[in-house]
C-alpha atoms as a PDB file:
ATOM      1  CA  MET A   1      26.608 -45.418  15.700  1.00  0.00           C
ATOM      2  CA  SER A   2      25.633 -44.212  12.224  1.00  0.00           C
ATOM      3  CA  ARG A   3      21.998 -45.167  12.882  1.00  0.00           C
ATOM      4  CA  ILE A   4      21.905 -42.964  15.999  1.00  0.00           C
ATOM      5  CA  PHE A   5      22.787 -39.892  13.977  1.00  0.00           C
ATOM      6  CA  ARG A   6      20.628 -40.864  11.009  1.00  0.00           C
ATOM      7  CA  TRP A   7      17.210 -41.355  12.588  1.00  0.00           C
ATOM      8  CA  PRO A   8      16.275 -37.655  13.050  1.00  0.00           C
ATOM      9  CA  ALA A   9      16.603 -37.145   9.295  1.00  0.00           C
ATOM     10  CA  ARG A  10      13.178 -38.681   8.596  1.00  0.00           C
ATOM     11  CA  PRO A  11      11.079 -36.208  10.644  1.00  0.00           C
ATOM     12  CA  VAL A  12      13.140 -33.329   9.249  1.00  0.00           C
ATOM     13  CA  VAL A  13      12.400 -34.473   5.707  1.00  0.00           C
ATOM     14  CA  LEU A  14       8.714 -34.895   6.536  1.00  0.00           C
ATOM     15  CA  LEU A  15       8.537 -31.413   8.047  1.00  0.00           C
ATOM     16  CA  ALA A  16      10.277 -29.930   5.020  1.00  0.00           C
ATOM     17  CA  ALA A  17       7.855 -31.724   2.685  1.00  0.00           C
ATOM     18  CA  ALA A  18       4.879 -30.512   4.726  1.00  0.00           C
ATOM     19  CA  ALA A  19       6.166 -26.927   4.648  1.00  0.00           C
ATOM     20  CA  ALA A  20       6.708 -27.099   0.889  1.00  0.00           C
ATOM     21  CA  SER A  21       3.210 -28.521   0.368  1.00  0.00           C
ATOM     22  CA  ALA A  22       1.670 -25.801   2.528  1.00  0.00           C
ATOM     23  CA  ALA A  23       3.536 -23.103   0.596  1.00  0.00           C
ATOM     24  CA  TRP A  24       2.380 -24.590  -2.735  1.00  0.00           C
ATOM     25  CA  PHE A  25      -1.235 -24.792  -1.559  1.00  0.00           C
ATOM     26  CA  ARG A  26      -1.152 -21.202  -0.264  1.00  0.00           C
ATOM     27  CA  ARG A  27       0.174 -19.958  -3.600  1.00  0.00           C
ATOM     28  CA  HIS A  28      -2.520 -21.997  -5.367  1.00  0.00           C
ATOM     29  CA  TYR A  29      -5.487 -20.683  -3.391  1.00  0.00           C
ATOM     30  CA  LEU A  30      -4.313 -17.071  -3.419  1.00  0.00           C
ATOM     31  CA  ARG A  31      -4.036 -16.957  -7.218  1.00  0.00           C
ATOM     32  CA  TRP A  32      -6.363 -19.646  -8.548  1.00  0.00           C
ATOM     33  CA  GLY A  33      -6.918 -19.263 -12.286  1.00  0.00           C
ATOM     34  CA  ALA A  34      -4.802 -16.101 -12.579  1.00  0.00           C
ATOM     35  CA  THR A  35      -1.677 -15.812 -14.718  1.00  0.00           C
ATOM     36  CA  ASP A  36       1.613 -14.405 -13.460  1.00  0.00           C
ATOM     37  CA  ALA A  37       0.941 -11.204 -15.393  1.00  0.00           C
ATOM     38  CA  GLU A  38      -2.577 -10.822 -13.979  1.00  0.00           C
ATOM     39  CA  THR A  39      -1.313 -11.386 -10.464  1.00  0.00           C
ATOM     40  CA  ALA A  40       1.350  -8.709 -10.905  1.00  0.00           C
ATOM     41  CA  ASP A  41      -0.836  -6.201 -12.774  1.00  0.00           C
ATOM     42  CA  ALA A  42      -2.293  -3.149 -11.087  1.00  0.00           C
ATOM     43  CA  LEU A  43      -6.090  -3.313 -11.042  1.00  0.00           C
ATOM     44  CA  PRO A  44      -8.782  -0.720 -10.376  1.00  0.00           C
ATOM     45  CA  GLY A  45      -9.176  -0.261  -6.635  1.00  0.00           C
ATOM     46  CA  ASP A  46      -5.581  -1.095  -5.739  1.00  0.00           C
ATOM     47  CA  ASP A  47      -4.991   2.518  -4.755  1.00  0.00           C
ATOM     48  CA  PHE A  48      -7.537   2.297  -1.936  1.00  0.00           C
ATOM     49  CA  LEU A  49      -5.117  -0.016  -0.092  1.00  0.00           C
ATOM     50  CA  PRO A  50      -1.720   0.620  -1.722  1.00  0.00           C
ATOM     51  CA  THR A  51       0.321  -1.525   0.705  1.00  0.00           C
ATOM     52  CA  PRO A  52      -1.743  -4.613   1.562  1.00  0.00           C
ATOM     53  CA  ASP A  53      -0.562  -7.266   3.997  1.00  0.00           C
ATOM     54  CA  LEU A  54      -2.290  -9.986   1.980  1.00  0.00           C
ATOM     55  CA  LEU A  55      -3.414 -10.017  -1.636  1.00  0.00           C
ATOM     56  CA  ALA A  56      -5.394 -12.657  -3.519  1.00  0.00           C
ATOM     57  CA  THR A  57      -6.086 -12.548  -7.265  1.00  0.00           C
ATOM     58  CA  ARG A  58      -8.308 -15.172  -8.865  1.00  0.00           C
ATOM     59  CA  ALA A  59      -9.602 -15.364 -12.421  1.00  0.00           C
ATOM     60  CA  VAL A  60     -11.698 -17.249 -14.955  1.00  0.00           C
ATOM     61  CA  THR A  61     -12.270 -17.058 -18.705  1.00  0.00           C
ATOM     62  CA  ILE A  62     -15.887 -16.510 -19.725  1.00  0.00           C
ATOM     63  CA  LYS A  63     -16.946 -17.221 -23.302  1.00  0.00           C
ATOM     64  CA  ALA A  64     -19.101 -14.126 -23.494  1.00  0.00           C
ATOM     65  CA  PRO A  65     -18.465 -10.406 -24.016  1.00  0.00           C
ATOM     66  CA  ALA A  66     -17.902  -8.168 -21.011  1.00  0.00           C
ATOM     67  CA  GLY A  67     -21.300  -6.590 -21.552  1.00  0.00           C
ATOM     68  CA  ALA A  68     -22.938  -9.961 -20.907  1.00  0.00           C
ATOM     69  CA  VAL A  69     -20.965 -10.483 -17.689  1.00  0.00           C
ATOM     70  CA  TRP A  70     -21.386  -7.046 -16.131  1.00  0.00           C
ATOM     71  CA  PRO A  71     -25.115  -7.361 -15.215  1.00  0.00           C
ATOM     72  CA  TRP A  72     -24.333 -10.349 -13.005  1.00  0.00           C
ATOM     73  CA  LEU A  73     -21.757  -8.290 -11.117  1.00  0.00           C
ATOM     74  CA  ALA A  74     -23.983  -5.229 -10.850  1.00  0.00           C
ATOM     75  CA  GLN A  75     -26.733  -7.134  -9.041  1.00  0.00           C
ATOM     76  CA  MET A  76     -24.582  -8.946  -6.486  1.00  0.00           C
ATOM     77  CA  GLY A  77     -25.422  -8.777  -2.803  1.00  0.00           C
ATOM     78  CA  GLN A  78     -27.574 -10.236  -0.055  1.00  0.00           C
ATOM     79  CA  GLY A  79     -31.202  -9.350  -0.742  1.00  0.00           C
ATOM     80  CA  ARG A  80     -30.290  -8.888  -4.409  1.00  0.00           C
ATOM     81  CA  GLY A  81     -28.681 -11.341  -6.830  1.00  0.00           C
ATOM     82  CA  GLY A  82     -26.595 -13.169  -4.229  1.00  0.00           C
ATOM     83  CA  PHE A  83     -23.004 -14.205  -4.873  1.00  0.00           C
ATOM     84  CA  TYR A  84     -23.438 -17.235  -7.206  1.00  0.00           C
ATOM     85  CA  SER A  85     -21.521 -19.499  -4.830  1.00  0.00           C
ATOM     86  CA  TYR A  86     -22.613 -22.223  -2.401  1.00  0.00           C
ATOM     87  CA  ASP A  87     -25.888 -20.770  -1.144  1.00  0.00           C
ATOM     88  CA  PHE A  88     -26.492 -23.701   1.183  1.00  0.00           C
ATOM     89  CA  LEU A  89     -23.237 -23.034   3.027  1.00  0.00           C
ATOM     90  CA  GLU A  90     -23.946 -19.312   3.304  1.00  0.00           C
ATOM     91  CA  ASN A  91     -27.475 -19.963   4.517  1.00  0.00           C
ATOM     92  CA  PHE A  92     -26.220 -22.519   7.027  1.00  0.00           C
ATOM     93  CA  LEU A  93     -24.504 -19.519   8.620  1.00  0.00           C
ATOM     94  CA  GLY A  94     -27.751 -17.547   8.524  1.00  0.00           C
ATOM     95  CA  LEU A  95     -26.733 -15.175   5.718  1.00  0.00           C
ATOM     96  CA  ASP A  96     -30.009 -15.549   3.749  1.00  0.00           C
ATOM     97  CA  ILE A  97     -28.331 -15.623   0.325  1.00  0.00           C
ATOM     98  CA  HIS A  98     -30.285 -16.601  -2.797  1.00  0.00           C
ATOM     99  CA  SER A  99     -28.285 -16.460  -6.021  1.00  0.00           C
ATOM    100  CA  ALA A 100     -30.248 -15.272  -9.027  1.00  0.00           C
ATOM    101  CA  ASP A 101     -30.416 -17.246 -12.267  1.00  0.00           C
ATOM    102  CA  ARG A 102     -31.587 -14.294 -14.341  1.00  0.00           C
ATOM    103  CA  ILE A 103     -30.700 -10.648 -14.748  1.00  0.00           C
ATOM    104  CA  HIS A 104     -32.920  -8.319 -12.712  1.00  0.00           C
ATOM    105  CA  PRO A 105     -33.263  -4.844 -14.303  1.00  0.00           C
ATOM    106  CA  GLU A 106     -34.228  -3.328 -10.941  1.00  0.00           C
ATOM    107  CA  TRP A 107     -30.802  -4.178  -9.497  1.00  0.00           C
ATOM    108  CA  GLN A 108     -28.637  -2.856 -12.319  1.00  0.00           C
ATOM    109  CA  ASP A 109     -28.274   0.796 -11.319  1.00  0.00           C
ATOM    110  CA  ILE A 110     -25.340   0.460  -8.934  1.00  0.00           C
ATOM    111  CA  GLN A 111     -23.477   3.636  -8.001  1.00  0.00           C
ATOM    112  CA  ALA A 112     -20.419   4.611  -5.982  1.00  0.00           C
ATOM    113  CA  GLY A 113     -21.501   5.145  -2.390  1.00  0.00           C
ATOM    114  CA  ASP A 114     -24.150   2.407  -2.473  1.00  0.00           C
ATOM    115  CA  HIS A 115     -23.933  -0.397   0.062  1.00  0.00           C
ATOM    116  CA  VAL A 116     -23.766  -4.093  -0.806  1.00  0.00           C
ATOM    117  CA  HIS A 117     -25.021  -6.411   1.924  1.00  0.00           C
ATOM    118  CA  LEU A 118     -23.050  -9.547   2.759  1.00  0.00           C
ATOM    119  CA  ALA A 119     -25.621 -10.614   5.363  1.00  0.00           C
ATOM    120  CA  PRO A 120     -28.859  -9.253   6.867  1.00  0.00           C
ATOM    121  CA  ALA A 121     -26.921  -7.365   9.576  1.00  0.00           C
ATOM    122  CA  ALA A 122     -26.035  -3.825   8.492  1.00  0.00           C
ATOM    123  CA  SER A 123     -22.612  -4.160  10.114  1.00  0.00           C
ATOM    124  CA  SER A 124     -21.629  -6.587   7.352  1.00  0.00           C
ATOM    125  CA  ASP A 125     -22.147  -4.071   4.530  1.00  0.00           C
ATOM    126  CA  LEU A 126     -19.466  -3.131   2.034  1.00  0.00           C
ATOM    127  CA  GLU A 127     -19.495   0.224   0.271  1.00  0.00           C
ATOM    128  CA  VAL A 128     -19.267   0.562  -3.492  1.00  0.00           C
ATOM    129  CA  ALA A 129     -15.994   2.449  -3.886  1.00  0.00           C
ATOM    130  CA  LEU A 130     -15.724   2.464  -7.682  1.00  0.00           C
ATOM    131  CA  VAL A 131     -18.010   1.716 -10.608  1.00  0.00           C
ATOM    132  CA  ASP A 132     -16.731   1.629 -14.184  1.00  0.00           C
ATOM    133  CA  GLU A 133     -19.754   0.173 -15.933  1.00  0.00           C
ATOM    134  CA  GLY A 134     -18.907  -2.856 -17.998  1.00  0.00           C
ATOM    135  CA  SER A 135     -15.331  -2.868 -16.728  1.00  0.00           C
ATOM    136  CA  ALA A 136     -14.790  -2.718 -12.954  1.00  0.00           C
ATOM    137  CA  LEU A 137     -16.656  -2.840  -9.654  1.00  0.00           C
ATOM    138  CA  VAL A 138     -14.770  -2.275  -6.384  1.00  0.00           C
ATOM    139  CA  LEU A 139     -16.212  -2.793  -2.909  1.00  0.00           C
ATOM    140  CA  ARG A 140     -14.545  -1.854   0.356  1.00  0.00           C
ATOM    141  CA  VAL A 141     -15.102  -1.586   4.086  1.00  0.00           C
ATOM    142  CA  PRO A 142     -17.015   1.703   4.513  1.00  0.00           C
ATOM    143  CA  PRO A 143     -14.448   4.388   5.438  1.00  0.00           C
ATOM    144  CA  GLY A 144     -16.734   5.908   8.073  1.00  0.00           C
ATOM    145  CA  SER A 145     -17.444   2.650   9.901  1.00  0.00           C
ATOM    146  CA  PRO A 146     -15.875   1.863  13.304  1.00  0.00           C
ATOM    147  CA  PRO A 147     -12.324   0.585  12.654  1.00  0.00           C
ATOM    148  CA  GLY A 148     -12.119  -3.181  12.683  1.00  0.00           C
ATOM    149  CA  PRO A 149      -9.019  -5.367  12.910  1.00  0.00           C
ATOM    150  CA  PHE A 150      -8.350  -4.961   9.169  1.00  0.00           C
ATOM    151  CA  ASP A 151      -9.268  -2.887   6.128  1.00  0.00           C
ATOM    152  CA  PHE A 152     -10.448  -4.687   3.003  1.00  0.00           C
ATOM    153  CA  THR A 153     -11.193  -4.139  -0.689  1.00  0.00           C
ATOM    154  CA  TRP A 154     -12.871  -6.519  -3.141  1.00  0.00           C
ATOM    155  CA  ALA A 155     -12.436  -5.758  -6.842  1.00  0.00           C
ATOM    156  CA  PHE A 156     -14.165  -7.346  -9.848  1.00  0.00           C
ATOM    157  CA  VAL A 157     -12.487  -6.503 -13.153  1.00  0.00           C
ATOM    158  CA  LEU A 158     -13.548  -7.467 -16.693  1.00  0.00           C
ATOM    159  CA  ARG A 159     -10.935  -7.698 -19.444  1.00  0.00           C
ATOM    160  CA  PRO A 160     -12.219  -8.294 -23.003  1.00  0.00           C
ATOM    161  CA  GLN A 161     -10.128 -10.736 -25.028  1.00  0.00           C
ATOM    162  CA  PRO A 162      -9.376 -10.705 -28.782  1.00  0.00           C
ATOM    163  CA  ASP A 163     -11.499 -13.826 -29.352  1.00  0.00           C
ATOM    164  CA  GLY A 164     -14.597 -12.192 -27.862  1.00  0.00           C
ATOM    165  CA  SER A 165     -14.319 -13.880 -24.469  1.00  0.00           C
ATOM    166  CA  THR A 166     -13.748 -12.053 -21.187  1.00  0.00           C
ATOM    167  CA  ARG A 167     -11.326 -12.547 -18.344  1.00  0.00           C
ATOM    168  CA  LEU A 168     -12.982 -11.932 -14.976  1.00  0.00           C
ATOM    169  CA  LEU A 169     -10.441 -11.064 -12.275  1.00  0.00           C
ATOM    170  CA  VAL A 170     -11.384 -10.907  -8.612  1.00  0.00           C
ATOM    171  CA  ARG A 171      -8.913  -9.346  -6.198  1.00  0.00           C
ATOM    172  CA  GLU A 172      -9.018  -9.192  -2.396  1.00  0.00           C
ATOM    173  CA  ARG A 173      -6.672  -6.862  -0.498  1.00  0.00           C
ATOM    174  CA  TYR A 174      -6.252  -6.844   3.287  1.00  0.00           C
ATOM    175  CA  ALA A 175      -4.454  -4.270   5.434  1.00  0.00           C
ATOM    176  CA  TYR A 176      -4.035  -5.402   9.045  1.00  0.00           C
ATOM    177  CA  ARG A 177      -4.584  -3.143  12.034  1.00  0.00           C
ATOM    178  CA  GLN A 178      -3.718  -5.769  14.657  1.00  0.00           C
ATOM    179  CA  TRP A 179      -0.769  -8.174  14.640  1.00  0.00           C
ATOM    180  CA  TRP A 180      -2.931 -11.230  15.337  1.00  0.00           C
ATOM    181  CA  VAL A 181      -5.206 -10.616  12.350  1.00  0.00           C
ATOM    182  CA  ALA A 182      -2.770 -12.382  10.008  1.00  0.00           C
ATOM    183  CA  TRP A 183      -3.631 -15.758  11.521  1.00  0.00           C
ATOM    184  CA  MET A 184      -7.371 -15.141  11.198  1.00  0.00           C
ATOM    185  CA  VAL A 185      -7.190 -13.877   7.601  1.00  0.00           C
ATOM    186  CA  GLU A 186      -5.004 -16.779   6.480  1.00  0.00           C
ATOM    187  CA  ALA A 187      -7.675 -19.185   7.754  1.00  0.00           C
ATOM    188  CA  VAL A 188     -10.467 -17.118   6.212  1.00  0.00           C
ATOM    189  CA  GLU A 189      -8.707 -17.111   2.838  1.00  0.00           C
ATOM    190  CA  VAL A 190      -8.952 -20.904   2.576  1.00  0.00           C
ATOM    191  CA  ALA A 191     -12.733 -20.616   2.886  1.00  0.00           C
ATOM    192  CA  SER A 192     -12.685 -17.582   0.584  1.00  0.00           C
ATOM    193  CA  PHE A 193     -10.861 -19.628  -2.058  1.00  0.00           C
ATOM    194  CA  ILE A 194     -13.549 -22.336  -1.974  1.00  0.00           C
ATOM    195  CA  MET A 195     -16.400 -19.830  -2.174  1.00  0.00           C
ATOM    196  CA  SER A 196     -14.681 -17.531  -4.696  1.00  0.00           C
ATOM    197  CA  ARG A 197     -13.868 -20.371  -7.074  1.00  0.00           C
ATOM    198  CA  ARG A 198     -17.517 -21.415  -7.040  1.00  0.00           C
ATOM    199  CA  MET A 199     -18.602 -17.779  -7.490  1.00  0.00           C
ATOM    200  CA  LEU A 200     -16.372 -17.356 -10.560  1.00  0.00           C
ATOM    201  CA  GLN A 201     -17.716 -20.587 -12.016  1.00  0.00           C
ATOM    202  CA  GLY A 202     -21.273 -19.539 -11.189  1.00  0.00           C
ATOM    203  CA  ILE A 203     -20.886 -16.218 -12.980  1.00  0.00           C
ATOM    204  CA  ARG A 204     -19.259 -17.955 -15.952  1.00  0.00           C
ATOM    205  CA  ILE A 205     -22.095 -20.466 -16.304  1.00  0.00           C
ATOM    206  CA  ARG A 206     -24.773 -17.762 -16.063  1.00  0.00           C
ATOM    207  CA  ALA A 207     -23.096 -15.349 -18.457  1.00  0.00           C
ATOM    208  CA  GLU A 208     -22.350 -18.013 -21.070  1.00  0.00           C
ATOM    209  CA  SER A 209     -25.899 -19.380 -20.861  1.00  0.00           C
ATOM    210  CA  ASN A 210     -27.397 -15.941 -21.465  1.00  0.00           C
ATOM    211  CA  ALA A 211     -24.889 -14.615 -23.999  1.00  0.00           C
END
């Protein structure tokens, strides 16, 4: 009789372990490289979406001063310096991304109100919401564009360190307009984690090589 009541325990344990693993992985990919303090800190651009439904903060240490990192951020974009991630994956989707391996002076004058292309289609543009040269660059869904299923901001923040290195923090904030968007964004964030980690590493390698 004891076996009859004991056998369901195994699938329950397996489900609990799977849920715990999923929760750990979600926490990992939403805050890769970032400390507890960095995750909790307010960053430039947070006020554009003060109550996000999903927030991701990722970070990397770059052994170069902030001034050597900023030019790589300033020239980001499709048709410009690219995004320093997996170009072959982006181009497989037809995005025509080509990440630069040098600083282009002609792409350095980025201003609030400019548009940064994510793909050749104009509908994929993000607007430059904030520029604090050498310190912060914030992109967002253009406020005047037709409302999509969610609003979005993408912040790049440079924090100089006492040893001369720089912490690069990248924060994504989503505000949902439709209930079903949560499922889509959660799936997108797994891909975003893979691409963002490579982007952070790509910027680090370039900045350290040129510092």
